[in-house]
């Protein structure tokens, strides 16, 4: 998986949260795979996604 893929997933989910759009099954599936994707995001910041 691409190194920047996780960063793109986080960015997209933050935008959906800010717009108060519901997350679908695909969003949760991608989020669950982010530890395998790599990227530069701080993995300790889980408060942004709840």
N, C-alpha and C. Protein backbone atom coordinates (compact mmCIF):
# COMPACT_ATOMS: atom_id res chain seq x y z
N UNK A 1 0.84 -1.18 0.00
CA UNK A 1 0.00 0.00 0.00
C UNK A 1 0.88 1.24 0.00
N UNK A 2 0.41 2.28 -0.62
CA UNK A 2 1.19 3.50 -0.74
C UNK A 2 1.44 4.18 0.59
N UNK A 3 2.60 4.83 0.70
CA UNK A 3 2.96 5.48 1.95
C UNK A 3 2.03 6.63 2.31
N UNK A 4 1.54 7.34 1.34
CA UNK A 4 0.70 8.52 1.60
C UNK A 4 -0.79 8.18 1.63
N UNK A 5 -1.14 6.93 1.38
CA UNK A 5 -2.54 6.53 1.32
C UNK A 5 -3.28 6.81 2.63
N UNK A 6 -2.63 6.51 3.76
CA UNK A 6 -3.28 6.73 5.05
C UNK A 6 -3.55 8.21 5.27
N UNK A 7 -2.61 9.06 4.88
CA UNK A 7 -2.82 10.50 5.03
C UNK A 7 -4.02 10.97 4.24
N UNK A 8 -4.21 10.42 3.06
CA UNK A 8 -5.37 10.79 2.24
C UNK A 8 -6.67 10.32 2.88
N UNK A 9 -6.65 9.12 3.46
CA UNK A 9 -7.84 8.60 4.14
C UNK A 9 -8.21 9.51 5.30
N UNK A 10 -7.22 9.86 6.15
CA UNK A 10 -7.47 10.73 7.29
C UNK A 10 -8.02 12.09 6.84
N UNK A 11 -7.45 12.65 5.80
CA UNK A 11 -7.88 13.95 5.31
C UNK A 11 -9.34 13.90 4.84
N UNK A 12 -9.67 12.85 4.09
CA UNK A 12 -11.04 12.70 3.57
C UNK A 12 -12.04 12.51 4.72
N UNK A 13 -11.67 11.71 5.72
CA UNK A 13 -12.58 11.48 6.84
C UNK A 13 -12.74 12.72 7.71
N UNK A 14 -11.68 13.50 7.84
CA UNK A 14 -11.81 14.77 8.58
C UNK A 14 -12.78 15.71 7.87
N UNK A 15 -12.69 15.76 6.55
CA UNK A 15 -13.60 16.61 5.78
C UNK A 15 -15.05 16.15 5.94
N UNK A 16 -15.26 14.83 5.89
CA UNK A 16 -16.61 14.30 6.07
C UNK A 16 -17.13 14.63 7.46
N UNK A 17 -16.27 14.52 8.48
CA UNK A 17 -16.70 14.83 9.84
C UNK A 17 -17.05 16.31 9.97
N UNK A 18 -16.22 17.18 9.40
CA UNK A 18 -16.47 18.62 9.47
C UNK A 18 -17.78 18.99 8.78
N UNK A 19 -18.10 18.27 7.71
CA UNK A 19 -19.34 18.52 6.97
C UNK A 19 -20.53 17.77 7.57
N UNK A 20 -20.28 17.07 8.68
CA UNK A 20 -21.31 16.27 9.35
C UNK A 20 -21.92 15.22 8.44
N UNK A 21 -21.09 14.69 7.54
CA UNK A 21 -21.53 13.61 6.66
C UNK A 21 -21.30 12.28 7.38
N UNK A 22 -22.24 11.36 7.26
CA UNK A 22 -22.03 10.06 7.93
C UNK A 22 -20.96 9.24 7.21
N UNK A 23 -20.25 8.44 8.00
CA UNK A 23 -19.26 7.53 7.43
C UNK A 23 -19.97 6.24 7.05
N UNK A 24 -19.58 5.66 5.92
CA UNK A 24 -20.17 4.40 5.50
C UNK A 24 -19.21 3.24 5.81
N UNK A 25 -19.60 2.05 5.43
CA UNK A 25 -18.79 0.87 5.72
C UNK A 25 -17.40 0.97 5.08
N UNK A 26 -17.34 1.54 3.90
CA UNK A 26 -16.06 1.70 3.21
C UNK A 26 -15.12 2.61 3.99
N UNK A 27 -15.66 3.67 4.57
CA UNK A 27 -14.84 4.58 5.38
C UNK A 27 -14.23 3.85 6.57
N UNK A 28 -15.05 3.08 7.27
CA UNK A 28 -14.56 2.34 8.43
C UNK A 28 -13.55 1.27 8.02
N UNK A 29 -13.78 0.63 6.88
CA UNK A 29 -12.84 -0.38 6.41
C UNK A 29 -11.49 0.25 6.09
N UNK A 30 -11.50 1.38 5.41
CA UNK A 30 -10.23 2.05 5.09
C UNK A 30 -9.53 2.53 6.35
N UNK A 31 -10.30 3.05 7.31
CA UNK A 31 -9.72 3.52 8.56
C UNK A 31 -9.06 2.37 9.31
N UNK A 32 -9.67 1.20 9.28
CA UNK A 32 -9.10 0.06 9.99
C UNK A 32 -7.80 -0.43 9.35
N UNK A 33 -7.59 -0.11 8.09
CA UNK A 33 -6.37 -0.53 7.39
C UNK A 33 -5.25 0.50 7.44
N UNK A 34 -5.52 1.67 7.97
CA UNK A 34 -4.50 2.73 7.94
C UNK A 34 -3.20 2.37 8.65
N UNK A 35 -3.18 1.57 9.71
CA UNK A 35 -1.88 1.22 10.29
C UNK A 35 -0.97 0.46 9.32
N UNK A 36 -1.55 -0.19 8.34
CA UNK A 36 -0.78 -0.93 7.35
C UNK A 36 -0.33 -0.07 6.18
N UNK A 37 -0.95 1.10 6.02
CA UNK A 37 -0.72 1.93 4.85
C UNK A 37 0.52 2.81 4.95
N UNK A 38 0.86 3.23 6.12
CA UNK A 38 1.98 4.15 6.26
C UNK A 38 1.50 5.58 6.07
N UNK A 39 2.38 6.52 6.32
CA UNK A 39 2.05 7.93 6.18
C UNK A 39 2.71 8.71 7.29
N UNK A 40 2.42 9.99 7.34
CA UNK A 40 3.07 10.88 8.29
C UNK A 40 2.17 11.31 9.44
N UNK A 41 0.94 10.88 9.47
CA UNK A 41 0.02 11.32 10.50
C UNK A 41 0.43 10.79 11.86
N UNK A 42 0.17 11.58 12.90
CA UNK A 42 0.45 11.18 14.27
C UNK A 42 -0.59 10.14 14.68
N UNK A 43 -0.19 8.93 14.84
CA UNK A 43 -1.12 7.84 15.13
C UNK A 43 -1.70 7.90 16.54
N UNK A 44 -1.20 8.78 17.38
CA UNK A 44 -1.74 8.90 18.73
C UNK A 44 -2.94 9.82 18.79
N UNK A 45 -3.25 10.52 17.71
CA UNK A 45 -4.38 11.46 17.70
C UNK A 45 -5.64 10.76 17.22
N UNK A 46 -6.31 10.05 18.11
CA UNK A 46 -7.53 9.37 17.74
C UNK A 46 -8.78 10.19 18.03
N UNK A 47 -8.62 11.29 18.76
CA UNK A 47 -9.77 12.11 19.12
C UNK A 47 -10.42 12.78 17.91
N UNK A 48 -9.73 12.89 16.81
CA UNK A 48 -10.27 13.53 15.61
C UNK A 48 -11.26 12.64 14.87
N UNK A 49 -11.32 11.36 15.18
CA UNK A 49 -12.08 10.43 14.37
C UNK A 49 -13.31 9.85 15.07
N UNK A 50 -13.55 10.21 16.30
CA UNK A 50 -14.62 9.57 17.06
C UNK A 50 -15.94 10.16 16.94
